[in-house]
Amino acid sequence: MPDETITISEQEYEMFERIRQQQGLDTIEQTVEWLAKARIQRLAKQAGGKRRALALVQRQDQ
């Protein structure tokens, strides 16, 4: 996954730190990634009705 740099406020940092500790993660970067993945899973569940693994599907030429 490509690395992206984001700028966060002190208040956001403190929020990420609390979540990091609650989830037992090692770094703020892992926390941000965990939150992003959790959000994607929730959106996928809402869209599909069930929790599914997301995978690319090879297009079959006709």
N, C-alpha and C. Protein backbone atom coordinates (compact mmCIF):
# COMPACT_ATOMS: atom_id res chain seq x y z
N MET A 1 0.85 -1.16 0.00
CA MET A 1 0.00 0.00 0.00
C MET A 1 0.90 1.23 0.00
N PRO A 2 0.61 2.21 -0.84
CA PRO A 2 1.44 3.41 -0.88
C PRO A 2 1.33 4.21 0.41
N ASP A 3 2.42 4.85 0.77
CA ASP A 3 2.42 5.70 1.95
C ASP A 3 1.90 7.07 1.59
N GLU A 4 1.03 7.59 2.41
CA GLU A 4 0.49 8.93 2.25
C GLU A 4 0.79 9.69 3.54
N THR A 5 1.14 10.95 3.41
CA THR A 5 1.38 11.79 4.58
C THR A 5 0.15 12.64 4.82
N ILE A 6 -0.31 12.64 6.08
CA ILE A 6 -1.44 13.49 6.43
C ILE A 6 -1.03 14.37 7.60
N THR A 7 -1.62 15.54 7.66
CA THR A 7 -1.37 16.46 8.76
C THR A 7 -2.57 16.40 9.69
N ILE A 8 -2.30 16.21 10.98
CA ILE A 8 -3.39 16.12 11.95
C ILE A 8 -3.16 17.13 13.07
N SER A 9 -4.24 17.53 13.69
CA SER A 9 -4.17 18.47 14.80
C SER A 9 -3.78 17.72 16.08
N GLU A 10 -3.46 18.46 17.11
CA GLU A 10 -3.14 17.85 18.41
C GLU A 10 -4.34 17.07 18.94
N GLN A 11 -5.53 17.61 18.76
CA GLN A 11 -6.75 16.94 19.21
C GLN A 11 -6.95 15.62 18.46
N GLU A 12 -6.71 15.63 17.16
CA GLU A 12 -6.83 14.39 16.37
C GLU A 12 -5.77 13.38 16.80
N TYR A 13 -4.55 13.86 17.06
CA TYR A 13 -3.48 12.97 17.51
C TYR A 13 -3.88 12.28 18.81
N GLU A 14 -4.44 13.05 19.74
CA GLU A 14 -4.86 12.48 21.03
C GLU A 14 -5.95 11.43 20.83
N MET A 15 -6.88 11.68 19.90
CA MET A 15 -7.93 10.72 19.61
C MET A 15 -7.32 9.43 19.03
N PHE A 16 -6.41 9.59 18.06
CA PHE A 16 -5.74 8.42 17.48
C PHE A 16 -4.96 7.66 18.55
N GLU A 17 -4.33 8.36 19.46
CA GLU A 17 -3.56 7.72 20.53
C GLU A 17 -4.48 6.90 21.44
N ARG A 18 -5.63 7.42 21.77
CA ARG A 18 -6.58 6.66 22.61
C ARG A 18 -7.03 5.40 21.89
N ILE A 19 -7.34 5.53 20.61
CA ILE A 19 -7.76 4.36 19.82
C ILE A 19 -6.62 3.37 19.71
N ARG A 20 -5.40 3.87 19.49
CA ARG A 20 -4.22 3.00 19.39
C ARG A 20 -4.09 2.14 20.64
N GLN A 21 -4.23 2.76 21.79
CA GLN A 21 -4.10 2.03 23.05
C GLN A 21 -5.25 1.04 23.24
N GLN A 22 -6.46 1.44 22.90
CA GLN A 22 -7.62 0.56 23.04
C GLN A 22 -7.48 -0.69 22.17
N GLN A 23 -6.94 -0.52 20.97
CA GLN A 23 -6.82 -1.62 20.02
C GLN A 23 -5.51 -2.39 20.15
N GLY A 24 -4.61 -1.92 21.00
CA GLY A 24 -3.33 -2.60 21.19
C GLY A 24 -2.40 -2.50 20.00
N LEU A 25 -2.48 -1.39 19.28
CA LEU A 25 -1.63 -1.19 18.11
C LEU A 25 -0.32 -0.52 18.51
N ASP A 26 0.70 -0.66 17.67
CA ASP A 26 2.03 -0.15 18.00
C ASP A 26 2.24 1.30 17.60
N THR A 27 1.62 1.75 16.51
CA THR A 27 1.90 3.09 16.00
C THR A 27 0.62 3.81 15.61
N ILE A 28 0.73 5.13 15.50
CA ILE A 28 -0.39 5.93 15.01
C ILE A 28 -0.69 5.55 13.56
N GLU A 29 0.34 5.24 12.79
CA GLU A 29 0.13 4.84 11.40
C GLU A 29 -0.73 3.58 11.31
N GLN A 30 -0.46 2.61 12.17
CA GLN A 30 -1.28 1.40 12.21
C GLN A 30 -2.72 1.73 12.60
N THR A 31 -2.87 2.69 13.49
CA THR A 31 -4.20 3.10 13.94
C THR A 31 -4.99 3.72 12.80
N VAL A 32 -4.36 4.60 12.04
CA VAL A 32 -5.04 5.23 10.91
C VAL A 32 -5.43 4.17 9.88
N GLU A 33 -4.53 3.23 9.62
CA GLU A 33 -4.83 2.15 8.67
C GLU A 33 -5.98 1.28 9.18
N TRP A 34 -5.96 0.96 10.47
CA TRP A 34 -7.02 0.15 11.08
C TRP A 34 -8.37 0.84 10.94
N LEU A 35 -8.40 2.15 11.23
CA LEU A 35 -9.64 2.91 11.12
C LEU A 35 -10.15 2.95 9.68
N ALA A 36 -9.24 3.12 8.73
CA ALA A 36 -9.64 3.16 7.31
C ALA A 36 -10.22 1.81 6.89
N LYS A 37 -9.58 0.72 7.27
CA LYS A 37 -10.07 -0.61 6.91
C LYS A 37 -11.43 -0.88 7.55
N ALA A 38 -11.59 -0.46 8.80
CA ALA A 38 -12.87 -0.66 9.49
C ALA A 38 -13.98 0.10 8.77
N ARG A 39 -13.68 1.31 8.33
CA ARG A 39 -14.67 2.11 7.61
C ARG A 39 -15.03 1.47 6.27
N ILE A 40 -14.04 0.97 5.56
CA ILE A 40 -14.29 0.31 4.27
C ILE A 40 -15.17 -0.93 4.49
N GLN A 41 -14.89 -1.70 5.54
CA GLN A 41 -15.69 -2.89 5.82
C GLN A 41 -17.14 -2.51 6.12
N ARG A 42 -17.35 -1.45 6.90
CA ARG A 42 -18.72 -1.01 7.20
C ARG A 42 -19.45 -0.58 5.93
N LEU A 43 -18.76 0.16 5.06
CA LEU A 43 -19.39 0.60 3.81
C LEU A 43 -19.71 -0.59 2.91
N ALA A 44 -18.81 -1.57 2.85
CA ALA A 44 -19.05 -2.75 2.03
C ALA A 44 -20.24 -3.54 2.56
N LYS A 45 -20.36 -3.62 3.87
CA LYS A 45 -21.48 -4.33 4.47
C LYS A 45 -22.79 -3.63 4.14
N GLN A 46 -22.81 -2.31 4.22
CA GLN A 46 -24.01 -1.55 3.90
C GLN A 46 -24.39 -1.72 2.43
N ALA A 47 -23.40 -1.74 1.57
CA ALA A 47 -23.65 -1.83 0.13
C ALA A 47 -24.12 -3.22 -0.27
N GLY A 48 -23.53 -4.24 0.34
CA GLY A 48 -23.82 -5.60 -0.09
C GLY A 48 -24.75 -6.37 0.81
N GLY A 49 -25.02 -5.85 1.99
CA GLY A 49 -25.91 -6.55 2.89
C GLY A 49 -25.22 -7.60 3.74
N LYS A 50 -24.08 -8.08 3.32
CA LYS A 50 -23.32 -9.07 4.09
C LYS A 50 -21.87 -8.64 4.12
N ARG A 51 -21.16 -9.15 5.11
CA ARG A 51 -19.73 -8.86 5.19
C ARG A 51 -19.01 -9.78 4.22
N ARG A 52 -18.41 -9.20 3.22
CA ARG A 52 -17.73 -9.99 2.19
C ARG A 52 -16.28 -9.54 2.06
N ALA A 53 -15.46 -10.46 1.63
CA ALA A 53 -14.09 -10.10 1.27
C ALA A 53 -14.14 -9.40 -0.08
N LEU A 54 -13.39 -8.32 -0.19
CA LEU A 54 -13.35 -7.59 -1.46
C LEU A 54 -12.17 -8.10 -2.27
N ALA A 55 -12.43 -8.51 -3.50
CA ALA A 55 -11.36 -9.01 -4.36
C ALA A 55 -11.63 -8.55 -5.78
N LEU A 56 -10.55 -8.34 -6.52
CA LEU A 56 -10.69 -7.99 -7.92
C LEU A 56 -11.14 -9.21 -8.71
N VAL A 57 -12.01 -8.99 -9.66
CA VAL A 57 -12.52 -10.07 -10.50
C VAL A 57 -11.97 -9.87 -11.90
N GLN A 58 -11.41 -10.94 -12.47
CA GLN A 58 -10.89 -10.87 -13.83
C GLN A 58 -12.06 -10.78 -14.80
N ARG A 59 -11.97 -9.86 -15.71
CA ARG A 59 -13.01 -9.68 -16.72
C ARG A 59 -12.85 -10.75 -17.79
N GLN A 60 -13.94 -11.38 -18.15
CA GLN A 60 -13.91 -12.40 -19.19
C GLN A 60 -14.32 -11.74 -20.50
N ASP A 61 -13.46 -11.86 -21.50
CA ASP A 61 -13.79 -11.32 -22.83
C ASP A 61 -14.81 -12.23 -23.50
N GLN A 62 -15.74 -11.60 -24.20
CA GLN A 62 -16.81 -12.37 -24.85
C GLN A 62 -16.41 -12.82 -26.22
